């Protein structure tokens, strides 16, 4: 598998890829998807 330069969501809704540190990802999950954060905390 490889990372494609363009994908469906990037063209359809102008979604951008962004890499996070683990610490920042946990913070983002806590704000936007707290239920998913519990999977990483257990």
PDB file of N, CA and C in Angstrom:
ATOM      1  N   UNK A   1       0.844  -1.176   0.000  1.00  0.00           N
ATOM      2  CA  UNK A   1       0.000   0.000   0.000  1.00  0.00           C
ATOM      3  C   UNK A   1       0.889   1.238   0.000  1.00  0.00           C
ATOM      4  N   UNK A   2       0.411   2.292  -0.569  1.00  0.00           N
ATOM      5  CA  UNK A   2       1.184   3.527  -0.642  1.00  0.00           C
ATOM      6  C   UNK A   2       0.288   4.729  -0.400  1.00  0.00           C
ATOM      7  N   UNK A   3       0.876   5.820  -0.021  1.00  0.00           N
ATOM      8  CA  UNK A   3       0.134   7.061   0.205  1.00  0.00           C
ATOM      9  C   UNK A   3      -0.030   7.775  -1.132  1.00  0.00           C
ATOM     10  N   UNK A   4      -1.262   7.969  -1.541  1.00  0.00           N
ATOM     11  CA  UNK A   4      -1.536   8.630  -2.815  1.00  0.00           C
ATOM     12  C   UNK A   4      -1.495  10.146  -2.649  1.00  0.00           C
ATOM     13  N   UNK A   5      -1.035  10.874  -3.663  1.00  0.00           N
ATOM     14  CA  UNK A   5      -1.001  12.332  -3.560  1.00  0.00           C
ATOM     15  C   UNK A   5      -2.408  12.942  -3.531  1.00  0.00           C
ATOM     16  N   UNK A   6      -3.353  12.298  -4.187  1.00  0.00           N
ATOM     17  CA  UNK A   6      -4.748  12.752  -4.208  1.00  0.00           C
ATOM     18  C   UNK A   6      -5.640  11.570  -3.857  1.00  0.00           C
ATOM     19  N   UNK A   7      -6.758  11.820  -3.229  1.00  0.00           N
ATOM     20  CA  UNK A   7      -7.719  10.770  -2.928  1.00  0.00           C
ATOM     21  C   UNK A   7      -9.103  11.390  -2.976  1.00  0.00           C
ATOM     22  N   UNK A   8     -10.116  10.556  -2.902  1.00  0.00           N
ATOM     23  CA  UNK A   8     -11.490  10.975  -3.148  1.00  0.00           C
ATOM     24  C   UNK A   8     -11.917  12.172  -2.303  1.00  0.00           C
ATOM     25  N   UNK A   9     -11.695  12.144  -0.986  1.00  0.00           N
ATOM     26  CA  UNK A   9     -12.122  13.248  -0.125  1.00  0.00           C
ATOM     27  C   UNK A   9     -11.361  14.540  -0.410  1.00  0.00           C
ATOM     28  N   UNK A  10     -10.124  14.431  -0.857  1.00  0.00           N
ATOM     29  CA  UNK A  10      -9.367  15.656  -1.136  1.00  0.00           C
ATOM     30  C   UNK A  10      -9.982  16.398  -2.308  1.00  0.00           C
ATOM     31  N   UNK A  11     -10.535  15.665  -3.248  1.00  0.00           N
ATOM     32  CA  UNK A  11     -11.148  16.296  -4.413  1.00  0.00           C
ATOM     33  C   UNK A  11     -12.604  16.663  -4.144  1.00  0.00           C
ATOM     34  N   UNK A  12     -13.337  15.804  -3.453  1.00  0.00           N
ATOM     35  CA  UNK A  12     -14.770  16.020  -3.256  1.00  0.00           C
ATOM     36  C   UNK A  12     -15.065  17.129  -2.247  1.00  0.00           C
ATOM     37  N   UNK A  13     -14.349  17.140  -1.116  1.00  0.00           N
ATOM     38  CA  UNK A  13     -14.666  18.124  -0.067  1.00  0.00           C
ATOM     39  C   UNK A  13     -13.446  18.907   0.393  1.00  0.00           C
ATOM     40  N   UNK A  14     -12.400  18.869  -0.406  1.00  0.00           N
ATOM     41  CA  UNK A  14     -11.175  19.628  -0.133  1.00  0.00           C
ATOM     42  C   UNK A  14     -10.582  19.306   1.240  1.00  0.00           C
ATOM     43  N   UNK A  15     -10.628  18.029   1.621  1.00  0.00           N
ATOM     44  CA  UNK A  15     -10.051  17.590   2.899  1.00  0.00           C
ATOM     45  C   UNK A  15      -8.543  17.438   2.731  1.00  0.00           C
ATOM     46  N   UNK A  16      -7.792  17.919   3.699  1.00  0.00           N
ATOM     47  CA  UNK A  16      -6.329  17.855   3.656  1.00  0.00           C
ATOM     48  C   UNK A  16      -5.815  16.814   4.642  1.00  0.00           C
ATOM     49  N   UNK A  17      -4.695  16.199   4.313  1.00  0.00           N
ATOM     50  CA  UNK A  17      -4.023  15.290   5.249  1.00  0.00           C
ATOM     51  C   UNK A  17      -3.154  16.104   6.182  1.00  0.00           C
ATOM     52  N   UNK A  18      -3.081  15.658   7.411  1.00  0.00           N
ATOM     53  CA  UNK A  18      -2.201  16.312   8.368  1.00  0.00           C
ATOM     54  C   UNK A  18      -1.701  15.265   9.343  1.00  0.00           C
ATOM     55  N   UNK A  19      -0.399  15.223   9.555  1.00  0.00           N
ATOM     56  CA  UNK A  19       0.196  14.308  10.513  1.00  0.00           C
ATOM     57  C   UNK A  19       0.286  14.994  11.860  1.00  0.00           C
ATOM     58  N   UNK A  20       0.006  14.233  12.920  1.00  0.00           N
ATOM     59  CA  UNK A  20       0.049  14.737  14.286  1.00  0.00           C
ATOM     60  C   UNK A  20       1.077  13.950  15.084  1.00  0.00           C
ATOM     61  N   UNK A  21       1.631  14.569  16.105  1.00  0.00           N
ATOM     62  CA  UNK A  21       2.372  13.797  17.096  1.00  0.00           C
ATOM     63  C   UNK A  21       1.327  12.987  17.867  1.00  0.00           C
ATOM     64  N   UNK A  22       1.762  11.974  18.587  1.00  0.00           N
ATOM     65  CA  UNK A  22       0.822  11.173  19.376  1.00  0.00           C
ATOM     66  C   UNK A  22       0.132  12.059  20.407  1.00  0.00           C
ATOM     67  N   UNK A  23       0.884  12.933  21.035  1.00  0.00           N
ATOM     68  CA  UNK A  23       0.313  13.829  22.046  1.00  0.00           C
ATOM     69  C   UNK A  23      -0.775  14.728  21.443  1.00  0.00           C
ATOM     70  N   UNK A  24      -0.502  15.307  20.283  1.00  0.00           N
ATOM     71  CA  UNK A  24      -1.484  16.176  19.620  1.00  0.00           C
ATOM     72  C   UNK A  24      -2.687  15.365  19.136  1.00  0.00           C
ATOM     73  N   UNK A  25      -2.443  14.151  18.663  1.00  0.00           N
ATOM     74  CA  UNK A  25      -3.546  13.295  18.220  1.00  0.00           C
ATOM     75  C   UNK A  25      -4.487  12.973  19.377  1.00  0.00           C
ATOM     76  N   UNK A  26      -3.928  12.679  20.547  1.00  0.00           N
ATOM     77  CA  UNK A  26      -4.759  12.411  21.723  1.00  0.00           C
ATOM     78  C   UNK A  26      -5.575  13.641  22.098  1.00  0.00           C
ATOM     79  N   UNK A  27      -4.976  14.806  22.005  1.00  0.00           N
ATOM     80  CA  UNK A  27      -5.679  16.058  22.294  1.00  0.00           C
ATOM     81  C   UNK A  27      -6.821  16.273  21.292  1.00  0.00           C
ATOM     82  N   UNK A  28      -6.558  16.055  20.011  1.00  0.00           N
ATOM     83  CA  UNK A  28      -7.582  16.223  18.982  1.00  0.00           C
ATOM     84  C   UNK A  28      -8.725  15.222  19.178  1.00  0.00           C
ATOM     85  N   UNK A  29      -8.388  13.986  19.495  1.00  0.00           N
ATOM     86  CA  UNK A  29      -9.430  12.990  19.758  1.00  0.00           C
ATOM     87  C   UNK A  29     -10.279  13.384  20.958  1.00  0.00           C
ATOM     88  N   UNK A  30      -9.650  13.880  22.000  1.00  0.00           N
ATOM     89  CA  UNK A  30     -10.393  14.294  23.192  1.00  0.00           C
ATOM     90  C   UNK A  30     -11.406  15.377  22.846  1.00  0.00           C
ATOM     91  N   UNK A  31     -11.053  16.260  21.950  1.00  0.00           N
ATOM     92  CA  UNK A  31     -11.954  17.350  21.567  1.00  0.00           C
ATOM     93  C   UNK A  31     -13.043  16.900  20.603  1.00  0.00           C
ATOM     94  N   UNK A  32     -12.687  16.065  19.623  1.00  0.00           N
ATOM     95  CA  UNK A  32     -13.598  15.791  18.516  1.00  0.00           C
ATOM     96  C   UNK A  32     -14.197  14.387  18.503  1.00  0.00           C
ATOM     97  N   UNK A  33     -13.503  13.415  19.066  1.00  0.00           N
ATOM     98  CA  UNK A  33     -13.988  12.026  19.070  1.00  0.00           C
ATOM     99  C   UNK A  33     -13.650  11.362  20.403  1.00  0.00           C
ATOM    100  N   UNK A  34     -14.212  11.856  21.503  1.00  0.00           N
ATOM    101  CA  UNK A  34     -13.833  11.334  22.820  1.00  0.00           C
ATOM    102  C   UNK A  34     -14.090   9.835  22.983  1.00  0.00           C
ATOM    103  N   UNK A  35     -15.074   9.292  22.319  1.00  0.00           N
ATOM    104  CA  UNK A  35     -15.328   7.851  22.436  1.00  0.00           C
ATOM    105  C   UNK A  35     -14.158   7.051  21.875  1.00  0.00           C
ATOM    106  N   UNK A  36     -13.547   7.518  20.814  1.00  0.00           N
ATOM    107  CA  UNK A  36     -12.407   6.817  20.225  1.00  0.00           C
ATOM    108  C   UNK A  36     -11.155   6.959  21.082  1.00  0.00           C
ATOM    109  N   UNK A  37     -11.061   8.036  21.828  1.00  0.00           N
ATOM    110  CA  UNK A  37      -9.920   8.235  22.721  1.00  0.00           C
ATOM    111  C   UNK A  37      -9.852   7.121  23.762  1.00  0.00           C
ATOM    112  N   UNK A  38     -11.000   6.642  24.212  1.00  0.00           N
ATOM    113  CA  UNK A  38     -11.017   5.586  25.226  1.00  0.00           C
ATOM    114  C   UNK A  38     -10.361   4.303  24.717  1.00  0.00           C
ATOM    115  N   UNK A  39     -10.400   4.042  23.413  1.00  0.00           N
ATOM    116  CA  UNK A  39      -9.745   2.848  22.862  1.00  0.00           C
ATOM    117  C   UNK A  39      -8.241   2.914  23.078  1.00  0.00           C
ATOM    118  N   UNK A  40      -7.668   4.091  22.945  1.00  0.00           N
ATOM    119  CA  UNK A  40      -6.222   4.245  23.093  1.00  0.00           C
ATOM    120  C   UNK A  40      -5.795   4.305  24.551  1.00  0.00           C
ATOM    121  N   UNK A  41      -6.691   4.697  25.416  1.00  0.00           N
ATOM    122  CA  UNK A  41      -6.357   4.827  26.827  1.00  0.00           C
ATOM    123  C   UNK A  41      -6.472   3.510  27.581  1.00  0.00           C
ATOM    124  N   UNK A  42      -7.146   2.517  27.011  1.00  0.00           N
ATOM    125  CA  UNK A  42      -7.340   1.252  27.736  1.00  0.00           C
ATOM    126  C   UNK A  42      -6.216   0.277  27.502  1.00  0.00           C
TER     127      UNK A  42
END
